[in-house]
C-alpha atoms as a PDB file:
ATOM      1  CA  UNK A   1      26.069  -9.180 -16.303  1.00  0.00           C
ATOM      2  CA  UNK A   2      28.805 -12.029 -17.086  1.00  0.00           C
ATOM      3  CA  UNK A   3      27.544 -12.657 -20.761  1.00  0.00           C
ATOM      4  CA  UNK A   4      26.690 -15.937 -19.230  1.00  0.00           C
ATOM      5  CA  UNK A   5      22.975 -17.830 -18.680  1.00  0.00           C
ATOM      6  CA  UNK A   6      21.831 -18.942 -15.032  1.00  0.00           C
ATOM      7  CA  UNK A   7      19.387 -21.417 -14.349  1.00  0.00           C
ATOM      8  CA  UNK A   8      16.571 -20.681 -11.128  1.00  0.00           C
ATOM      9  CA  UNK A   9      14.830 -23.014  -9.977  1.00  0.00           C
ATOM     10  CA  UNK A  10      11.285 -21.526  -8.826  1.00  0.00           C
ATOM     11  CA  UNK A  11       8.548 -23.619  -6.811  1.00  0.00           C
ATOM     12  CA  UNK A  12       5.274 -21.875  -9.046  1.00  0.00           C
ATOM     13  CA  UNK A  13       3.103 -24.483  -6.874  1.00  0.00           C
ATOM     14  CA  UNK A  14       3.942 -23.160  -3.525  1.00  0.00           C
ATOM     15  CA  UNK A  15       4.031 -19.827  -4.349  1.00  0.00           C
ATOM     16  CA  UNK A  16       0.004 -20.637  -5.658  1.00  0.00           C
ATOM     17  CA  UNK A  17      -0.530 -22.028  -2.867  1.00  0.00           C
ATOM     18  CA  UNK A  18       0.654 -19.282  -0.901  1.00  0.00           C
ATOM     19  CA  UNK A  19      -0.969 -16.672  -2.251  1.00  0.00           C
ATOM     20  CA  UNK A  20      -4.560 -18.939  -2.289  1.00  0.00           C
ATOM     21  CA  UNK A  21      -4.720 -18.630   1.602  1.00  0.00           C
ATOM     22  CA  UNK A  22      -6.800 -15.867   2.080  1.00  0.00           C
ATOM     23  CA  UNK A  23      -8.943 -17.333  -0.483  1.00  0.00           C
ATOM     24  CA  UNK A  24      -8.569 -21.260   1.257  1.00  0.00           C
ATOM     25  CA  UNK A  25      -9.738 -18.806   4.577  1.00  0.00           C
ATOM     26  CA  UNK A  26     -12.592 -17.285   3.449  1.00  0.00           C
ATOM     27  CA  UNK A  27     -11.394 -13.590   3.108  1.00  0.00           C
ATOM     28  CA  UNK A  28     -12.549 -12.729  -0.190  1.00  0.00           C
ATOM     29  CA  UNK A  29     -15.815 -14.318   0.296  1.00  0.00           C
ATOM     30  CA  UNK A  30     -18.238 -10.756   1.010  1.00  0.00           C
ATOM     31  CA  UNK A  31     -17.994 -10.953   4.584  1.00  0.00           C
ATOM     32  CA  UNK A  32     -14.859 -11.242   4.500  1.00  0.00           C
ATOM     33  CA  UNK A  33     -11.881  -8.317   4.619  1.00  0.00           C
ATOM     34  CA  UNK A  34     -10.537  -8.080   1.383  1.00  0.00           C
ATOM     35  CA  UNK A  35     -13.978  -9.362  -0.244  1.00  0.00           C
ATOM     36  CA  UNK A  36     -15.442  -5.959   0.901  1.00  0.00           C
ATOM     37  CA  UNK A  37     -16.364  -6.229   4.710  1.00  0.00           C
ATOM     38  CA  UNK A  38     -13.787  -4.366   5.940  1.00  0.00           C
ATOM     39  CA  UNK A  39     -14.427  -0.509   4.912  1.00  0.00           C
ATOM     40  CA  UNK A  40     -10.154   0.120   4.300  1.00  0.00           C
ATOM     41  CA  UNK A  41      -9.506  -2.647   1.225  1.00  0.00           C
ATOM     42  CA  UNK A  42     -12.156  -1.428  -1.166  1.00  0.00           C
ATOM     43  CA  UNK A  43     -12.916   0.587  -4.618  1.00  0.00           C
ATOM     44  CA  UNK A  44     -14.486   3.299  -3.963  1.00  0.00           C
ATOM     45  CA  UNK A  45     -15.748   6.404  -6.420  1.00  0.00           C
ATOM     46  CA  UNK A  46     -14.337   9.640  -5.995  1.00  0.00           C
ATOM     47  CA  UNK A  47     -15.090  12.467  -7.552  1.00  0.00           C
ATOM     48  CA  UNK A  48     -13.252  12.379 -10.733  1.00  0.00           C
ATOM     49  CA  UNK A  49     -12.306   8.546 -11.033  1.00  0.00           C
ATOM     50  CA  UNK A  50     -11.804   5.929  -8.550  1.00  0.00           C
ATOM     51  CA  UNK A  51      -9.909   4.788  -5.502  1.00  0.00           C
ATOM     52  CA  UNK A  52      -8.477   1.970  -4.592  1.00  0.00           C
ATOM     53  CA  UNK A  53      -8.040   1.900  -0.725  1.00  0.00           C
ATOM     54  CA  UNK A  54      -5.602  -1.363   1.087  1.00  0.00           C
ATOM     55  CA  UNK A  55      -5.568   0.112   4.592  1.00  0.00           C
ATOM     56  CA  UNK A  56      -6.308  -3.555   6.650  1.00  0.00           C
ATOM     57  CA  UNK A  57      -3.324  -2.867   9.159  1.00  0.00           C
ATOM     58  CA  UNK A  58      -4.452  -1.059  12.129  1.00  0.00           C
ATOM     59  CA  UNK A  59      -2.102   1.840  12.045  1.00  0.00           C
ATOM     60  CA  UNK A  60      -3.236   2.625   7.960  1.00  0.00           C
ATOM     61  CA  UNK A  61      -7.003   1.444   9.050  1.00  0.00           C
ATOM     62  CA  UNK A  62      -6.558   4.268  11.884  1.00  0.00           C
ATOM     63  CA  UNK A  63      -4.885   6.968   9.822  1.00  0.00           C
ATOM     64  CA  UNK A  64      -7.831   6.487   7.139  1.00  0.00           C
ATOM     65  CA  UNK A  65     -10.484   6.638   9.987  1.00  0.00           C
ATOM     66  CA  UNK A  66      -8.873  10.019  11.590  1.00  0.00           C
ATOM     67  CA  UNK A  67      -8.559  11.652   7.645  1.00  0.00           C
ATOM     68  CA  UNK A  68     -12.050  10.568   7.220  1.00  0.00           C
ATOM     69  CA  UNK A  69     -13.107  12.505  10.885  1.00  0.00           C
ATOM     70  CA  UNK A  70     -14.112   8.799  11.726  1.00  0.00           C
ATOM     71  CA  UNK A  71     -14.371   6.852  15.421  1.00  0.00           C
ATOM     72  CA  UNK A  72     -11.671   4.274  15.164  1.00  0.00           C
ATOM     73  CA  UNK A  73     -11.026   2.596  18.329  1.00  0.00           C
ATOM     74  CA  UNK A  74     -10.299  -1.010  17.363  1.00  0.00           C
ATOM     75  CA  UNK A  75      -9.473  -2.746  14.052  1.00  0.00           C
ATOM     76  CA  UNK A  76     -13.285  -4.458  14.312  1.00  0.00           C
ATOM     77  CA  UNK A  77     -14.798  -1.147  13.447  1.00  0.00           C
ATOM     78  CA  UNK A  78     -13.790  -1.521   9.591  1.00  0.00           C
ATOM     79  CA  UNK A  79     -16.400  -3.667   9.442  1.00  0.00           C
ATOM     80  CA  UNK A  80     -19.442  -1.320  11.159  1.00  0.00           C
ATOM     81  CA  UNK A  81     -21.583   0.184   8.266  1.00  0.00           C
ATOM     82  CA  UNK A  82     -20.771   3.584   9.124  1.00  0.00           C
ATOM     83  CA  UNK A  83     -18.073   3.622   8.628  1.00  0.00           C
ATOM     84  CA  UNK A  84     -18.190   1.785   5.196  1.00  0.00           C
ATOM     85  CA  UNK A  85     -20.465   5.275   4.637  1.00  0.00           C
ATOM     86  CA  UNK A  86     -18.248   7.605   6.424  1.00  0.00           C
ATOM     87  CA  UNK A  87     -15.633   6.200   4.319  1.00  0.00           C
ATOM     88  CA  UNK A  88     -17.485   6.557   0.907  1.00  0.00           C
ATOM     89  CA  UNK A  89     -18.142  10.277   1.269  1.00  0.00           C
ATOM     90  CA  UNK A  90     -15.330  11.250   2.615  1.00  0.00           C
ATOM     91  CA  UNK A  91     -13.671   9.978  -0.260  1.00  0.00           C
ATOM     92  CA  UNK A  92     -16.428  11.184  -3.071  1.00  0.00           C
ATOM     93  CA  UNK A  93     -15.859  14.505  -2.041  1.00  0.00           C
ATOM     94  CA  UNK A  94     -12.548  14.465  -3.222  1.00  0.00           C
ATOM     95  CA  UNK A  95     -10.736  14.445  -6.433  1.00  0.00           C
ATOM     96  CA  UNK A  96      -7.752  12.248  -7.475  1.00  0.00           C
ATOM     97  CA  UNK A  97      -5.226  14.364  -7.121  1.00  0.00           C
ATOM     98  CA  UNK A  98      -6.264  15.412  -3.211  1.00  0.00           C
ATOM     99  CA  UNK A  99      -7.150  12.171  -3.056  1.00  0.00           C
ATOM    100  CA  UNK A 100      -2.629  11.345  -3.439  1.00  0.00           C
ATOM    101  CA  UNK A 101      -1.933  13.970  -2.114  1.00  0.00           C
ATOM    102  CA  UNK A 102      -3.953  13.081   1.267  1.00  0.00           C
ATOM    103  CA  UNK A 103      -1.364   9.284   0.635  1.00  0.00           C
ATOM    104  CA  UNK A 104       1.588  10.833   0.752  1.00  0.00           C
ATOM    105  CA  UNK A 105       1.202  13.467   3.358  1.00  0.00           C
ATOM    106  CA  UNK A 106      -0.759  10.733   5.993  1.00  0.00           C
ATOM    107  CA  UNK A 107       0.604   7.736   4.646  1.00  0.00           C
ATOM    108  CA  UNK A 108      -2.546   6.223   3.788  1.00  0.00           C
ATOM    109  CA  UNK A 109      -2.117   2.879   1.607  1.00  0.00           C
ATOM    110  CA  UNK A 110      -4.963   4.167  -1.599  1.00  0.00           C
ATOM    111  CA  UNK A 111      -3.944   4.621  -5.633  1.00  0.00           C
ATOM    112  CA  UNK A 112      -6.769   6.888  -7.160  1.00  0.00           C
ATOM    113  CA  UNK A 113      -7.367   6.456 -11.073  1.00  0.00           C
ATOM    114  CA  UNK A 114      -9.192   9.743 -12.952  1.00  0.00           C
ATOM    115  CA  UNK A 115     -11.507   8.637 -14.997  1.00  0.00           C
ATOM    116  CA  UNK A 116     -10.385   8.706 -18.865  1.00  0.00           C
END
């Protein structure tokens, strides 16, 4: 804005360490929440593409389960095969447009991408 440049120092090593914490904690392994064990944090096929779901937080996971008419009593429920299968069936039966509308209406963090 002023027409003059500025110097900003950014701690890239510290930022990289912070971003690597889920890996250090084992969360990115297949048995970890962001490695596929949590039904609310995965990529699923839908009727006309794929949908990325990021409903890790309990309130988002609960909204996802309510939309899919699945039981949700505790965040650990999201690791149960029955919930994985129910979420997969629910998403597979809907189009990208329907899922994006659902995300807006119910405040569920997901993003659908149509096949090209």
